[in-house]
Amino acid sequence: MRRDVFQAIADPTRRQIINMVAHRSMNVNAVAGNFDVSRTAIYKHVKILTECGLIVVKQQGRERFYEARLEKLHEISDWVDQYRQFWTARLDALENYLNQMQTKDKKKGKLK
């Protein structure tokens, strides 16, 4: 199954994991200790995050540490930006229309 960054951030637990390891490298126990779920559940979340390229696992001796790779989040930003541009243009057009209507109303008021 092909996973993408949108699947990774769809789950609040995964978003929390990303946020935690974005600040510092953490081992599985440190990550799992922040949740009321099993380590197995955390492993599954981390597997999805690694498949999406948002986390890498580094082996240091017997321990595995998780580190964030946030570059992939640009995909989300780029996707959202296209809609931001669309709505900015629409809202600017609405503002122009309302300003024109207000100007017409003021002119009508002066003529009376």
C-alpha atoms as a PDB file:
ATOM      1  CA  MET A   1       0.000   0.000   0.000  1.00  0.00           C
ATOM      2  CA  ARG A   2       1.388   3.371  -1.008  1.00  0.00           C
ATOM      3  CA  ARG A   3       1.191   5.896   1.794  1.00  0.00           C
ATOM      4  CA  ASP A   4       1.470   9.635   1.554  1.00  0.00           C
ATOM      5  CA  VAL A   5       2.048  12.478   3.955  1.00  0.00           C
ATOM      6  CA  PHE A   6      -1.691  13.211   4.152  1.00  0.00           C
ATOM      7  CA  GLN A   7      -2.294   9.770   5.648  1.00  0.00           C
ATOM      8  CA  ALA A   8       0.466  10.405   8.145  1.00  0.00           C
ATOM      9  CA  ILE A   9      -1.067  13.573   9.532  1.00  0.00           C
ATOM     10  CA  ALA A  10      -4.638  12.255   9.427  1.00  0.00           C
ATOM     11  CA  ASP A  11      -4.268  10.703  12.857  1.00  0.00           C
ATOM     12  CA  PRO A  12      -3.867  12.884  15.977  1.00  0.00           C
ATOM     13  CA  THR A  13      -1.480  10.394  17.613  1.00  0.00           C
ATOM     14  CA  ARG A  14       0.829  10.538  14.605  1.00  0.00           C
ATOM     15  CA  ARG A  15       0.684  14.338  14.605  1.00  0.00           C
ATOM     16  CA  GLN A  16       1.709  14.282  18.270  1.00  0.00           C
ATOM     17  CA  ILE A  17       4.567  11.889  17.560  1.00  0.00           C
ATOM     18  CA  ILE A  18       5.808  14.151  14.765  1.00  0.00           C
ATOM     19  CA  ASN A  19       5.646  17.144  17.081  1.00  0.00           C
ATOM     20  CA  MET A  20       7.562  15.334  19.823  1.00  0.00           C
ATOM     21  CA  VAL A  21      10.416  14.072  17.655  1.00  0.00           C
ATOM     22  CA  ALA A  22      10.625  17.352  15.760  1.00  0.00           C
ATOM     23  CA  HIS A  23      12.100  18.903  18.886  1.00  0.00           C
ATOM     24  CA  ARG A  24      14.527  16.113  19.777  1.00  0.00           C
ATOM     25  CA  SER A  25      15.443  12.559  18.884  1.00  0.00           C
ATOM     26  CA  MET A  26      13.549  10.079  21.075  1.00  0.00           C
ATOM     27  CA  ASN A  27      13.587   6.347  21.635  1.00  0.00           C
ATOM     28  CA  VAL A  28      10.430   4.232  21.494  1.00  0.00           C
ATOM     29  CA  ASN A  29      10.029   4.145  25.275  1.00  0.00           C
ATOM     30  CA  ALA A  30      10.153   7.921  25.508  1.00  0.00           C
ATOM     31  CA  VAL A  31       7.586   8.253  22.742  1.00  0.00           C
ATOM     32  CA  ALA A  32       5.295   5.510  24.075  1.00  0.00           C
ATOM     33  CA  GLY A  33       5.444   6.970  27.573  1.00  0.00           C
ATOM     34  CA  ASN A  34       3.486   9.982  26.345  1.00  0.00           C
ATOM     35  CA  PHE A  35       0.467   7.932  25.260  1.00  0.00           C
ATOM     36  CA  ASP A  36      -2.099   5.661  26.875  1.00  0.00           C
ATOM     37  CA  VAL A  37      -1.675   3.009  24.187  1.00  0.00           C
ATOM     38  CA  SER A  38       0.598   0.010  23.843  1.00  0.00           C
ATOM     39  CA  ARG A  39       4.104   0.142  22.444  1.00  0.00           C
ATOM     40  CA  THR A  40       2.813  -2.014  19.598  1.00  0.00           C
ATOM     41  CA  ALA A  41       0.325   0.709  18.674  1.00  0.00           C
ATOM     42  CA  ILE A  42       3.122   3.294  18.747  1.00  0.00           C
ATOM     43  CA  TYR A  43       5.235   1.032  16.519  1.00  0.00           C
ATOM     44  CA  LYS A  44       2.385   0.915  13.999  1.00  0.00           C
ATOM     45  CA  HIS A  45       2.099   4.695  13.988  1.00  0.00           C
ATOM     46  CA  VAL A  46       5.844   5.060  13.597  1.00  0.00           C
ATOM     47  CA  LYS A  47       5.824   2.556  10.739  1.00  0.00           C
ATOM     48  CA  ILE A  48       3.322   4.716   8.865  1.00  0.00           C
ATOM     49  CA  LEU A  49       5.353   7.838   9.591  1.00  0.00           C
ATOM     50  CA  THR A  50       8.540   6.201   8.307  1.00  0.00           C
ATOM     51  CA  GLU A  51       6.778   4.911   5.186  1.00  0.00           C
ATOM     52  CA  CYS A  52       5.645   8.471   4.506  1.00  0.00           C
ATOM     53  CA  GLY A  53       9.155   9.810   5.030  1.00  0.00           C
ATOM     54  CA  LEU A  54       8.319  12.010   8.032  1.00  0.00           C
ATOM     55  CA  ILE A  55      10.400  10.042  10.523  1.00  0.00           C
ATOM     56  CA  VAL A  56      13.630   8.129  10.242  1.00  0.00           C
ATOM     57  CA  VAL A  57      14.759   5.467  12.675  1.00  0.00           C
ATOM     58  CA  LYS A  58      18.401   5.608  13.753  1.00  0.00           C
ATOM     59  CA  GLN A  59      19.990   2.642  15.468  1.00  0.00           C
ATOM     60  CA  GLN A  60      22.363   3.628  18.290  1.00  0.00           C
ATOM     61  CA  GLY A  61      23.687   0.531  19.960  1.00  0.00           C
ATOM     62  CA  ARG A  62      20.716  -1.502  21.120  1.00  0.00           C
ATOM     63  CA  GLU A  63      18.312   1.422  20.990  1.00  0.00           C
ATOM     64  CA  ARG A  64      16.339   2.860  18.128  1.00  0.00           C
ATOM     65  CA  PHE A  65      15.775   6.593  18.021  1.00  0.00           C
ATOM     66  CA  TYR A  66      13.182   8.463  16.000  1.00  0.00           C
ATOM     67  CA  GLU A  67      14.052  11.685  14.242  1.00  0.00           C
ATOM     68  CA  ALA A  68      11.715  13.930  12.271  1.00  0.00           C
ATOM     69  CA  ARG A  69      12.195  14.712   8.600  1.00  0.00           C
ATOM     70  CA  LEU A  70       9.744  17.555   8.102  1.00  0.00           C
ATOM     71  CA  GLU A  71      10.603  18.401   4.502  1.00  0.00           C
ATOM     72  CA  LYS A  72       7.746  16.194   3.306  1.00  0.00           C
ATOM     73  CA  LEU A  73       5.260  18.532   5.019  1.00  0.00           C
ATOM     74  CA  HIS A  74       5.856  20.924   2.115  1.00  0.00           C
ATOM     75  CA  GLU A  75       3.540  18.692   0.097  1.00  0.00           C
ATOM     76  CA  ILE A  76       0.699  19.677   2.419  1.00  0.00           C
ATOM     77  CA  SER A  77       1.657  23.322   2.370  1.00  0.00           C
ATOM     78  CA  ASP A  78       1.752  23.323  -1.440  1.00  0.00           C
ATOM     79  CA  TRP A  79      -1.626  21.610  -1.655  1.00  0.00           C
ATOM     80  CA  VAL A  80      -3.230  24.028   0.816  1.00  0.00           C
ATOM     81  CA  ASP A  81      -1.614  27.022  -0.895  1.00  0.00           C
ATOM     82  CA  GLN A  82      -3.541  26.455  -4.113  1.00  0.00           C
ATOM     83  CA  TYR A  83      -6.798  26.803  -2.179  1.00  0.00           C
ATOM     84  CA  ARG A  84      -5.476  29.744  -0.211  1.00  0.00           C
ATOM     85  CA  GLN A  85      -4.775  31.532  -3.502  1.00  0.00           C
ATOM     86  CA  PHE A  86      -8.237  30.650  -4.807  1.00  0.00           C
ATOM     87  CA  TRP A  87     -10.026  31.941  -1.701  1.00  0.00           C
ATOM     88  CA  THR A  88      -7.857  35.037  -1.466  1.00  0.00           C
ATOM     89  CA  ALA A  89      -8.817  35.936  -5.028  1.00  0.00           C
ATOM     90  CA  ARG A  90     -12.502  35.263  -4.311  1.00  0.00           C
ATOM     91  CA  LEU A  91     -12.489  37.317  -1.120  1.00  0.00           C
ATOM     92  CA  ASP A  92     -10.652  40.162  -2.860  1.00  0.00           C
ATOM     93  CA  ALA A  93     -13.322  40.143  -5.569  1.00  0.00           C
ATOM     94  CA  LEU A  94     -16.046  40.222  -2.909  1.00  0.00           C
ATOM     95  CA  GLU A  95     -14.342  43.132  -1.163  1.00  0.00           C
ATOM     96  CA  ASN A  96     -14.146  45.058  -4.447  1.00  0.00           C
ATOM     97  CA  TYR A  97     -17.817  44.374  -5.139  1.00  0.00           C
ATOM     98  CA  LEU A  98     -18.862  45.522  -1.663  1.00  0.00           C
ATOM     99  CA  ASN A  99     -16.754  48.667  -2.001  1.00  0.00           C
ATOM    100  CA  GLN A 100     -18.447  49.430  -5.336  1.00  0.00           C
ATOM    101  CA  MET A 101     -21.880  48.907  -3.791  1.00  0.00           C
ATOM    102  CA  GLN A 102     -20.985  51.148  -0.867  1.00  0.00           C
ATOM    103  CA  THR A 103     -19.737  53.863  -3.237  1.00  0.00           C
ATOM    104  CA  LYS A 104     -22.992  53.653  -5.241  1.00  0.00           C
ATOM    105  CA  ASP A 105     -25.044  53.909  -2.036  1.00  0.00           C
ATOM    106  CA  LYS A 106     -23.111  57.002  -0.954  1.00  0.00           C
ATOM    107  CA  LYS A 107     -23.660  58.641  -4.338  1.00  0.00           C
ATOM    108  CA  LYS A 108     -27.388  57.893  -4.177  1.00  0.00           C
ATOM    109  CA  GLY A 109     -27.541  59.394  -0.687  1.00  0.00           C
ATOM    110  CA  LYS A 110     -25.947  62.642  -1.880  1.00  0.00           C
ATOM    111  CA  LEU A 111     -28.372  62.994  -4.788  1.00  0.00           C
ATOM    112  CA  LYS A 112     -31.474  62.905  -2.544  1.00  0.00           C
END
